[in-house]
C-alpha atoms as a PDB file:
ATOM      1  CA  MET A   1    -208.151 197.973 142.470  1.00  0.00           C
ATOM      2  CA  ASN A   2    -206.074 201.243 142.833  1.00  0.00           C
ATOM      3  CA  LEU A   3    -208.802 203.573 141.951  1.00  0.00           C
ATOM      4  CA  LYS A   4    -208.391 207.492 143.124  1.00  0.00           C
ATOM      5  CA  THR A   5    -210.982 210.168 142.880  1.00  0.00           C
ATOM      6  CA  GLU A   6    -210.298 213.731 142.486  1.00  0.00           C
ATOM      7  CA  ALA A   7    -213.107 216.836 142.357  1.00  0.00           C
ATOM      8  CA  ILE A   8    -212.039 219.450 139.676  1.00  0.00           C
ATOM      9  CA  LEU A   9    -213.755 222.529 139.375  1.00  0.00           C
ATOM     10  CA  ILE A  10    -215.240 222.622 135.298  1.00  0.00           C
ATOM     11  CA  PRO A  11    -216.456 226.012 133.595  1.00  0.00           C
ATOM     12  CA  THR A  12    -219.479 224.149 131.960  1.00  0.00           C
ATOM     13  CA  GLU A  13    -221.321 223.976 134.943  1.00  0.00           C
ATOM     14  CA  ASN A  14    -219.220 226.019 137.679  1.00  0.00           C
ATOM     15  CA  LYS A  15    -218.959 222.852 139.878  1.00  0.00           C
ATOM     16  CA  LEU A  16    -216.703 220.152 140.994  1.00  0.00           C
ATOM     17  CA  ARG A  17    -216.756 217.230 138.619  1.00  0.00           C
ATOM     18  CA  THR A  18    -215.566 213.479 140.031  1.00  0.00           C
ATOM     19  CA  ILE A  19    -212.849 212.566 138.101  1.00  0.00           C
ATOM     20  CA  ARG A  20    -211.680 208.723 138.575  1.00  0.00           C
ATOM     21  CA  ILE A  21    -207.940 207.827 138.365  1.00  0.00           C
ATOM     22  CA  LEU A  22    -207.409 203.959 137.896  1.00  0.00           C
ATOM     23  CA  LEU A  23    -203.590 203.303 138.534  1.00  0.00           C
ATOM     24  CA  PRO A  24    -201.543 200.889 137.833  1.00  0.00           C
ATOM     25  CA  GLU A  25    -200.949 197.804 140.469  1.00  0.00           C
ATOM     26  CA  ASN A  26    -197.150 198.556 140.865  1.00  0.00           C
ATOM     27  CA  TYR A  27    -197.690 202.415 141.357  1.00  0.00           C
ATOM     28  CA  ASP A  28    -196.993 202.546 145.087  1.00  0.00           C
ATOM     29  CA  SER A  29    -194.331 200.264 144.725  1.00  0.00           C
ATOM     30  CA  SER A  30    -192.318 202.045 141.800  1.00  0.00           C
ATOM     31  CA  ASN A  31    -190.642 205.359 140.607  1.00  0.00           C
ATOM     32  CA  GLN A  32    -192.021 204.506 137.352  1.00  0.00           C
ATOM     33  CA  SER A  33    -193.714 206.937 135.029  1.00  0.00           C
ATOM     34  CA  TYR A  34    -196.792 206.023 132.834  1.00  0.00           C
ATOM     35  CA  ASP A  35    -198.772 206.831 129.827  1.00  0.00           C
ATOM     36  CA  VAL A  36    -202.386 208.524 130.672  1.00  0.00           C
ATOM     37  CA  LEU A  37    -205.505 207.487 128.725  1.00  0.00           C
ATOM     38  CA  TYR A  38    -208.380 210.344 129.138  1.00  0.00           C
ATOM     39  CA  MET A  39    -211.906 208.655 128.852  1.00  0.00           C
ATOM     40  CA  HIS A  40    -215.313 210.023 129.169  1.00  0.00           C
ATOM     41  CA  ASP A  41    -218.339 208.778 130.747  1.00  0.00           C
ATOM     42  CA  GLY A  42    -216.451 207.936 133.481  1.00  0.00           C
ATOM     43  CA  GLN A  43    -218.871 206.316 136.203  1.00  0.00           C
ATOM     44  CA  ASN A  44    -219.346 203.797 133.433  1.00  0.00           C
ATOM     45  CA  LEU A  45    -215.596 202.580 133.637  1.00  0.00           C
ATOM     46  CA  PHE A  46    -214.924 200.867 136.394  1.00  0.00           C
ATOM     47  CA  GLU A  47    -217.875 199.756 138.693  1.00  0.00           C
ATOM     48  CA  ASP A  48    -221.372 197.972 137.384  1.00  0.00           C
ATOM     49  CA  HIS A  49    -223.298 199.539 140.513  1.00  0.00           C
ATOM     50  CA  LEU A  50    -222.155 203.431 139.014  1.00  0.00           C
ATOM     51  CA  SER A  51    -222.652 202.644 135.403  1.00  0.00           C
ATOM     52  CA  PHE A  52    -225.838 203.858 133.708  1.00  0.00           C
ATOM     53  CA  SER A  53    -226.854 200.034 132.287  1.00  0.00           C
ATOM     54  CA  GLY A  54    -225.628 198.291 135.256  1.00  0.00           C
ATOM     55  CA  HIS A  55    -222.545 196.922 133.360  1.00  0.00           C
ATOM     56  CA  ALA A  56    -219.334 199.094 133.435  1.00  0.00           C
ATOM     57  CA  TRP A  57    -216.487 198.314 131.133  1.00  0.00           C
ATOM     58  CA  GLN A  58    -214.161 196.995 133.904  1.00  0.00           C
ATOM     59  CA  ILE A  59    -211.423 198.580 132.613  1.00  0.00           C
ATOM     60  CA  ASP A  60    -209.344 197.800 135.756  1.00  0.00           C
ATOM     61  CA  GLU A  61    -210.222 193.708 135.315  1.00  0.00           C
ATOM     62  CA  THR A  62    -209.379 194.269 131.680  1.00  0.00           C
ATOM     63  CA  LEU A  63    -205.978 195.918 132.393  1.00  0.00           C
ATOM     64  CA  LYS A  64    -205.224 192.997 135.238  1.00  0.00           C
ATOM     65  CA  LYS A  65    -205.956 190.296 132.839  1.00  0.00           C
ATOM     66  CA  MET A  66    -203.688 191.675 130.327  1.00  0.00           C
ATOM     67  CA  LYS A  67    -201.066 192.277 132.633  1.00  0.00           C
ATOM     68  CA  ILE A  68    -200.900 196.260 131.682  1.00  0.00           C
ATOM     69  CA  LYS A  69    -198.525 198.347 133.977  1.00  0.00           C
ATOM     70  CA  ASN A  70    -197.691 200.838 131.841  1.00  0.00           C
ATOM     71  CA  LEU A  71    -201.098 203.220 131.856  1.00  0.00           C
ATOM     72  CA  ILE A  72    -203.180 205.352 133.881  1.00  0.00           C
ATOM     73  CA  VAL A  73    -206.344 205.697 132.923  1.00  0.00           C
ATOM     74  CA  VAL A  74    -208.416 208.963 133.743  1.00  0.00           C
ATOM     75  CA  GLY A  75    -212.036 208.494 133.660  1.00  0.00           C
ATOM     76  CA  ILE A  76    -214.148 212.057 133.684  1.00  0.00           C
ATOM     77  CA  ASP A  77    -217.469 211.492 134.986  1.00  0.00           C
ATOM     78  CA  ASN A  78    -220.231 212.984 132.710  1.00  0.00           C
ATOM     79  CA  SER A  79    -223.039 215.357 134.176  1.00  0.00           C
ATOM     80  CA  ASP A  80    -226.793 216.141 133.004  1.00  0.00           C
ATOM     81  CA  LEU A  81    -224.859 218.762 130.583  1.00  0.00           C
ATOM     82  CA  ARG A  82    -223.574 215.441 128.848  1.00  0.00           C
ATOM     83  CA  LEU A  83    -225.145 215.895 125.619  1.00  0.00           C
ATOM     84  CA  PHE A  84    -223.953 219.714 125.655  1.00  0.00           C
ATOM     85  CA  GLU A  85    -220.507 219.190 126.955  1.00  0.00           C
ATOM     86  CA  TYR A  86    -219.693 216.102 124.261  1.00  0.00           C
ATOM     87  CA  ALA A  87    -221.031 218.239 121.510  1.00  0.00           C
ATOM     88  CA  PRO A  88    -218.734 221.083 120.070  1.00  0.00           C
ATOM     89  CA  TRP A  89    -221.601 222.370 117.923  1.00  0.00           C
ATOM     90  CA  PRO A  90    -225.587 222.620 118.335  1.00  0.00           C
ATOM     91  CA  GLY A  91    -227.224 219.240 116.927  1.00  0.00           C
ATOM     92  CA  GLY A  92    -228.469 218.902 113.504  1.00  0.00           C
ATOM     93  CA  LYS A  93    -231.355 217.344 112.385  1.00  0.00           C
ATOM     94  CA  GLU A  94    -230.553 213.749 113.626  1.00  0.00           C
ATOM     95  CA  ALA A  95    -229.946 215.042 116.754  1.00  0.00           C
ATOM     96  CA  THR A  96    -233.068 217.001 117.488  1.00  0.00           C
ATOM     97  CA  LYS A  97    -234.714 213.855 116.112  1.00  0.00           C
ATOM     98  CA  PHE A  98    -233.503 212.308 119.172  1.00  0.00           C
ATOM     99  CA  THR A  99    -233.342 214.968 121.891  1.00  0.00           C
ATOM    100  CA  LYS A 100    -236.638 216.970 120.702  1.00  0.00           C
ATOM    101  CA  VAL A 101    -234.788 219.757 122.086  1.00  0.00           C
ATOM    102  CA  GLN A 102    -231.469 221.932 120.835  1.00  0.00           C
ATOM    103  CA  VAL A 103    -228.476 220.522 122.786  1.00  0.00           C
ATOM    104  CA  GLY A 104    -224.779 220.647 121.994  1.00  0.00           C
ATOM    105  CA  GLY A 105    -222.477 223.544 121.811  1.00  0.00           C
ATOM    106  CA  LEU A 106    -219.984 222.971 125.220  1.00  0.00           C
ATOM    107  CA  GLY A 107    -217.851 220.935 123.648  1.00  0.00           C
ATOM    108  CA  SER A 108    -214.880 223.238 122.944  1.00  0.00           C
ATOM    109  CA  LEU A 109    -215.042 224.580 126.346  1.00  0.00           C
ATOM    110  CA  TYR A 110    -214.796 221.277 127.602  1.00  0.00           C
ATOM    111  CA  ALA A 111    -212.187 220.527 125.335  1.00  0.00           C
ATOM    112  CA  TYR A 112    -210.022 223.351 126.648  1.00  0.00           C
ATOM    113  CA  TRP A 113    -210.688 222.640 130.206  1.00  0.00           C
ATOM    114  CA  ILE A 114    -209.093 218.853 129.785  1.00  0.00           C
ATOM    115  CA  VAL A 115    -206.387 220.217 127.804  1.00  0.00           C
ATOM    116  CA  HIS A 116    -205.526 223.579 130.105  1.00  0.00           C
ATOM    117  CA  THR A 117    -206.835 222.514 133.372  1.00  0.00           C
ATOM    118  CA  LEU A 118    -207.331 218.816 133.919  1.00  0.00           C
ATOM    119  CA  LYS A 119    -204.130 217.305 132.074  1.00  0.00           C
ATOM    120  CA  PRO A 120    -201.813 219.796 134.045  1.00  0.00           C
ATOM    121  CA  PHE A 121    -203.317 218.762 137.310  1.00  0.00           C
ATOM    122  CA  ILE A 122    -202.944 215.029 136.430  1.00  0.00           C
ATOM    123  CA  ASP A 123    -199.570 215.593 135.009  1.00  0.00           C
ATOM    124  CA  LYS A 124    -198.576 217.452 138.322  1.00  0.00           C
ATOM    125  CA  ARG A 125    -200.279 215.206 140.884  1.00  0.00           C
ATOM    126  CA  TYR A 126    -199.535 211.914 139.468  1.00  0.00           C
ATOM    127  CA  ARG A 127    -195.982 210.187 137.954  1.00  0.00           C
ATOM    128  CA  THR A 128    -197.286 210.784 133.944  1.00  0.00           C
ATOM    129  CA  LYS A 129    -195.179 210.645 130.741  1.00  0.00           C
ATOM    130  CA  PRO A 130    -196.690 214.109 129.647  1.00  0.00           C
ATOM    131  CA  GLU A 131    -195.402 214.035 126.286  1.00  0.00           C
ATOM    132  CA  ARG A 132    -197.478 213.590 123.409  1.00  0.00           C
ATOM    133  CA  SER A 133    -196.338 210.335 122.376  1.00  0.00           C
ATOM    134  CA  HIS A 134    -197.606 209.153 125.740  1.00  0.00           C
ATOM    135  CA  THR A 135    -201.185 210.887 126.113  1.00  0.00           C
ATOM    136  CA  HIS A 136    -204.247 209.233 124.480  1.00  0.00           C
ATOM    137  CA  ILE A 137    -207.779 209.989 124.440  1.00  0.00           C
ATOM    138  CA  ALA A 138    -211.048 207.599 123.850  1.00  0.00           C
ATOM    139  CA  GLY A 139    -214.466 207.163 124.438  1.00  0.00           C
ATOM    140  CA  SER A 140    -218.015 205.526 123.223  1.00  0.00           C
ATOM    141  CA  SER A 141    -221.082 207.118 121.381  1.00  0.00           C
ATOM    142  CA  MET A 142    -220.959 210.767 122.320  1.00  0.00           C
ATOM    143  CA  GLY A 143    -217.869 210.216 124.218  1.00  0.00           C
ATOM    144  CA  ALA A 144    -216.310 209.379 120.939  1.00  0.00           C
ATOM    145  CA  TYR A 145    -217.708 212.169 119.067  1.00  0.00           C
ATOM    146  CA  ILE A 146    -215.941 214.684 121.738  1.00  0.00           C
ATOM    147  CA  SER A 147    -212.948 212.101 121.873  1.00  0.00           C
ATOM    148  CA  VAL A 148    -212.103 212.794 118.257  1.00  0.00           C
ATOM    149  CA  TYR A 149    -213.028 216.620 118.258  1.00  0.00           C
ATOM    150  CA  ILE A 150    -210.498 216.987 121.296  1.00  0.00           C
ATOM    151  CA  ALA A 151    -207.719 214.734 119.374  1.00  0.00           C
ATOM    152  CA  THR A 152    -208.149 216.837 116.079  1.00  0.00           C
ATOM    153  CA  ALA A 153    -208.209 220.300 118.021  1.00  0.00           C
ATOM    154  CA  TYR A 154    -205.410 219.888 120.138  1.00  0.00           C
ATOM    155  CA  PRO A 155    -203.223 217.353 117.776  1.00  0.00           C
ATOM    156  CA  HIS A 156    -200.061 218.347 119.610  1.00  0.00           C
ATOM    157  CA  ILE A 157    -201.534 216.691 122.765  1.00  0.00           C
ATOM    158  CA  PHE A 158    -202.755 213.557 121.962  1.00  0.00           C
ATOM    159  CA  GLN A 159    -200.987 210.453 120.051  1.00  0.00           C
ATOM    160  CA  THR A 160    -203.783 207.597 119.927  1.00  0.00           C
ATOM    161  CA  VAL A 161    -207.304 207.763 119.807  1.00  0.00           C
ATOM    162  CA  GLY A 162    -210.093 205.616 120.410  1.00  0.00           C
ATOM    163  CA  SER A 163    -213.427 205.685 118.631  1.00  0.00           C
ATOM    164  CA  PHE A 164    -216.197 203.476 119.904  1.00  0.00           C
ATOM    165  CA  SER A 165    -219.790 203.807 118.252  1.00  0.00           C
ATOM    166  CA  LEU A 166    -218.817 207.204 117.193  1.00  0.00           C
ATOM    167  CA  SER A 167    -222.161 209.429 117.070  1.00  0.00           C
ATOM    168  CA  SER A 168    -221.051 211.764 114.731  1.00  0.00           C
ATOM    169  CA  TRP A 169    -224.816 211.716 113.383  1.00  0.00           C
ATOM    170  CA  PHE A 170    -225.410 214.223 116.048  1.00  0.00           C
ATOM    171  CA  ASN A 171    -223.968 216.929 113.517  1.00  0.00           C
ATOM    172  CA  GLU A 172    -221.823 215.273 111.056  1.00  0.00           C
ATOM    173  CA  THR A 173    -221.790 218.293 108.447  1.00  0.00           C
ATOM    174  CA  ASP A 174    -219.737 220.569 110.865  1.00  0.00           C
ATOM    175  CA  PHE A 175    -217.691 217.179 112.284  1.00  0.00           C
ATOM    176  CA  LEU A 176    -216.478 216.476 108.972  1.00  0.00           C
ATOM    177  CA  GLN A 177    -216.039 220.110 108.391  1.00  0.00           C
ATOM    178  CA  HIS A 178    -214.112 220.386 111.329  1.00  0.00           C
ATOM    179  CA  LEU A 179    -211.967 217.670 110.412  1.00  0.00           C
ATOM    180  CA  ASP A 180    -211.135 219.446 106.532  1.00  0.00           C
ATOM    181  CA  GLN A 181    -210.214 222.457 108.481  1.00  0.00           C
ATOM    182  CA  SER A 182    -207.998 220.816 111.186  1.00  0.00           C
ATOM    183  CA  ASN A 183    -204.254 220.532 111.226  1.00  0.00           C
ATOM    184  CA  LEU A 184    -204.622 216.943 111.005  1.00  0.00           C
ATOM    185  CA  GLN A 185    -201.218 214.759 112.062  1.00  0.00           C
ATOM    186  CA  LYS A 186    -200.312 212.297 109.984  1.00  0.00           C
ATOM    187  CA  ASP A 187    -198.645 210.295 112.420  1.00  0.00           C
ATOM    188  CA  GLN A 188    -201.746 210.562 115.049  1.00  0.00           C
ATOM    189  CA  ARG A 189    -203.282 206.889 115.673  1.00  0.00           C
ATOM    190  CA  TYR A 190    -206.792 206.095 115.452  1.00  0.00           C
ATOM    191  CA  PHE A 191    -208.653 203.031 116.448  1.00  0.00           C
ATOM    192  CA  ILE A 192    -212.224 203.026 115.466  1.00  0.00           C
ATOM    193  CA  SER A 193    -214.804 200.310 116.111  1.00  0.00           C
ATOM    194  CA  VAL A 194    -218.724 200.042 115.403  1.00  0.00           C
ATOM    195  CA  GLY A 195    -221.056 197.259 116.205  1.00  0.00           C
ATOM    196  CA  ARG A 196    -223.513 195.694 113.193  1.00  0.00           C
ATOM    197  CA  TYR A 197    -226.081 195.853 115.409  1.00  0.00           C
ATOM    198  CA  GLU A 198    -225.713 199.404 117.358  1.00  0.00           C
ATOM    199  CA  GLU A 199    -229.534 199.724 117.759  1.00  0.00           C
ATOM    200  CA  SER A 200    -231.123 196.305 116.781  1.00  0.00           C
ATOM    201  CA  LYS A 201    -230.271 192.645 115.934  1.00  0.00           C
ATOM    202  CA  GLU A 202    -232.568 193.652 113.110  1.00  0.00           C
ATOM    203  CA  PRO A 203    -231.766 195.461 110.165  1.00  0.00           C
ATOM    204  CA  SER A 204    -232.588 198.937 110.733  1.00  0.00           C
ATOM    205  CA  PRO A 205    -231.459 202.673 109.467  1.00  0.00           C
ATOM    206  CA  VAL A 206    -230.053 203.423 112.777  1.00  0.00           C
ATOM    207  CA  ASN A 207    -227.536 200.404 112.408  1.00  0.00           C
ATOM    208  CA  ASP A 208    -226.736 201.743 109.001  1.00  0.00           C
ATOM    209  CA  LEU A 209    -226.259 205.372 110.186  1.00  0.00           C
ATOM    210  CA  TYR A 210    -223.600 204.290 112.927  1.00  0.00           C
ATOM    211  CA  ILE A 211    -221.760 201.941 110.535  1.00  0.00           C
ATOM    212  CA  GLN A 212    -221.460 204.914 108.024  1.00  0.00           C
ATOM    213  CA  ASN A 213    -220.622 207.347 110.552  1.00  0.00           C
ATOM    214  CA  SER A 214    -217.250 205.396 111.104  1.00  0.00           C
ATOM    215  CA  ILE A 215    -216.738 204.597 107.608  1.00  0.00           C
ATOM    216  CA  THR A 216    -217.167 208.285 106.521  1.00  0.00           C
ATOM    217  CA  PHE A 217    -214.593 209.197 109.450  1.00  0.00           C
ATOM    218  CA  LYS A 218    -212.363 206.540 108.506  1.00  0.00           C
ATOM    219  CA  ASP A 219    -212.094 207.588 104.740  1.00  0.00           C
ATOM    220  CA  LYS A 220    -211.964 211.448 106.047  1.00  0.00           C
ATOM    221  CA  LEU A 221    -208.602 210.421 108.006  1.00  0.00           C
ATOM    222  CA  MET A 222    -207.304 208.538 105.115  1.00  0.00           C
ATOM    223  CA  SER A 223    -208.115 211.618 102.535  1.00  0.00           C
ATOM    224  CA  HIS A 224    -205.984 213.787 104.745  1.00  0.00           C
ATOM    225  CA  GLY A 225    -202.749 211.043 104.605  1.00  0.00           C
ATOM    226  CA  VAL A 226    -203.383 209.455 108.111  1.00  0.00           C
ATOM    227  CA  CYS A 227    -202.741 205.926 107.590  1.00  0.00           C
ATOM    228  CA  ASP A 228    -202.148 204.505 111.339  1.00  0.00           C
ATOM    229  CA  ILE A 229    -205.866 203.213 111.369  1.00  0.00           C
ATOM    230  CA  THR A 230    -207.593 200.004 112.776  1.00  0.00           C
ATOM    231  CA  PHE A 231    -210.971 199.644 111.999  1.00  0.00           C
ATOM    232  CA  ILE A 232    -213.151 196.772 113.363  1.00  0.00           C
ATOM    233  CA  LEU A 233    -216.612 196.107 112.716  1.00  0.00           C
ATOM    234  CA  THR A 234    -218.316 193.918 115.150  1.00  0.00           C
ATOM    235  CA  ASP A 235    -221.502 191.844 115.861  1.00  0.00           C
ATOM    236  CA  ASP A 236    -221.964 193.829 119.028  1.00  0.00           C
ATOM    237  CA  SER A 237    -224.416 196.558 120.054  1.00  0.00           C
ATOM    238  CA  HIS A 238    -224.601 199.998 121.622  1.00  0.00           C
ATOM    239  CA  ASN A 239    -223.566 199.601 125.122  1.00  0.00           C
ATOM    240  CA  GLU A 240    -221.049 198.830 127.800  1.00  0.00           C
ATOM    241  CA  LEU A 241    -221.036 195.117 127.566  1.00  0.00           C
ATOM    242  CA  SER A 242    -219.849 195.298 123.693  1.00  0.00           C
ATOM    243  CA  TRP A 243    -217.315 198.081 124.328  1.00  0.00           C
ATOM    244  CA  ARG A 244    -215.738 196.222 127.428  1.00  0.00           C
ATOM    245  CA  LYS A 245    -215.300 193.069 124.891  1.00  0.00           C
ATOM    246  CA  ILE A 246    -213.469 195.425 122.192  1.00  0.00           C
ATOM    247  CA  PHE A 247    -211.376 197.623 124.381  1.00  0.00           C
ATOM    248  CA  PRO A 248    -208.700 194.896 124.947  1.00  0.00           C
ATOM    249  CA  LYS A 249    -207.769 195.419 121.488  1.00  0.00           C
ATOM    250  CA  PHE A 250    -207.627 199.002 121.765  1.00  0.00           C
ATOM    251  CA  ILE A 251    -205.241 198.477 124.627  1.00  0.00           C
ATOM    252  CA  GLU A 252    -203.177 196.456 122.342  1.00  0.00           C
ATOM    253  CA  PHE A 253    -203.528 199.127 119.728  1.00  0.00           C
ATOM    254  CA  ILE A 254    -201.953 201.986 122.188  1.00  0.00           C
ATOM    255  CA  ASN A 255    -199.161 199.581 122.878  1.00  0.00           C
ATOM    256  CA  GLN A 256    -197.896 198.712 119.130  1.00  0.00           C
ATOM    257  CA  LYS A 257    -194.965 200.215 117.802  1.00  0.00           C
ATOM    258  CA  SER A 258    -195.491 199.983 114.155  1.00  0.00           C
ATOM    259  CA  THR A 259    -197.573 201.788 112.000  1.00  0.00           C
ATOM    260  CA  HIS A 260    -199.860 199.831 110.238  1.00  0.00           C
ATOM    261  CA  SER A 261    -203.185 199.937 108.497  1.00  0.00           C
ATOM    262  CA  THR A 262    -206.352 197.727 108.681  1.00  0.00           C
END
């Protein structure tokens, strides 16, 4: 695994943040430049022993099996401020039920840091294709929530967006209002997946909430003229093993050139 680490100062906590960069196997033996996929919860992406759940996405293994040699993956570690950084607005009623305290509100600063500090650093230090058409962002749960925010706040930077188990319930009112007020680009591409059993194998309001969040998001994009959308309802749950299973389809989506909607 050609995995590098960097440490970059992040203003949300004024500390160095670990960044994990997965380079293609042919990186050192070629002069090629590469697409870049930015992802959150970096500890959970590559190695099981670092993952919150004990199971990583194993992105390196997936890309190796798929023989993907045109992509750099940048994983941004989370911190104790995760629920603050991954939320542009303070949590709503649903979030307060879950967290018991007020969290959120640092997402716009986190997004600004990614666009104005992290991306320029990656583009300078590694052989990237910095153009929008080669720049992608994705995440799961709250990582999906912030990914969508970043991509719609900076639509001139990101072409493809991966939303896995979107947690827009955190503050769906402000989330949907943001989408309505954003300059959504009709040529942006969205991959949306959600599981039938996000919380439980039994029927539950939380399962329904996650599904409805993703459907509402898809419908909102379409109402603004965005049509290059893949929407997948899986039979999986809210964990890294589930996201690992669906991730290859997202990689295929990134590499597709034709516009489509399903």
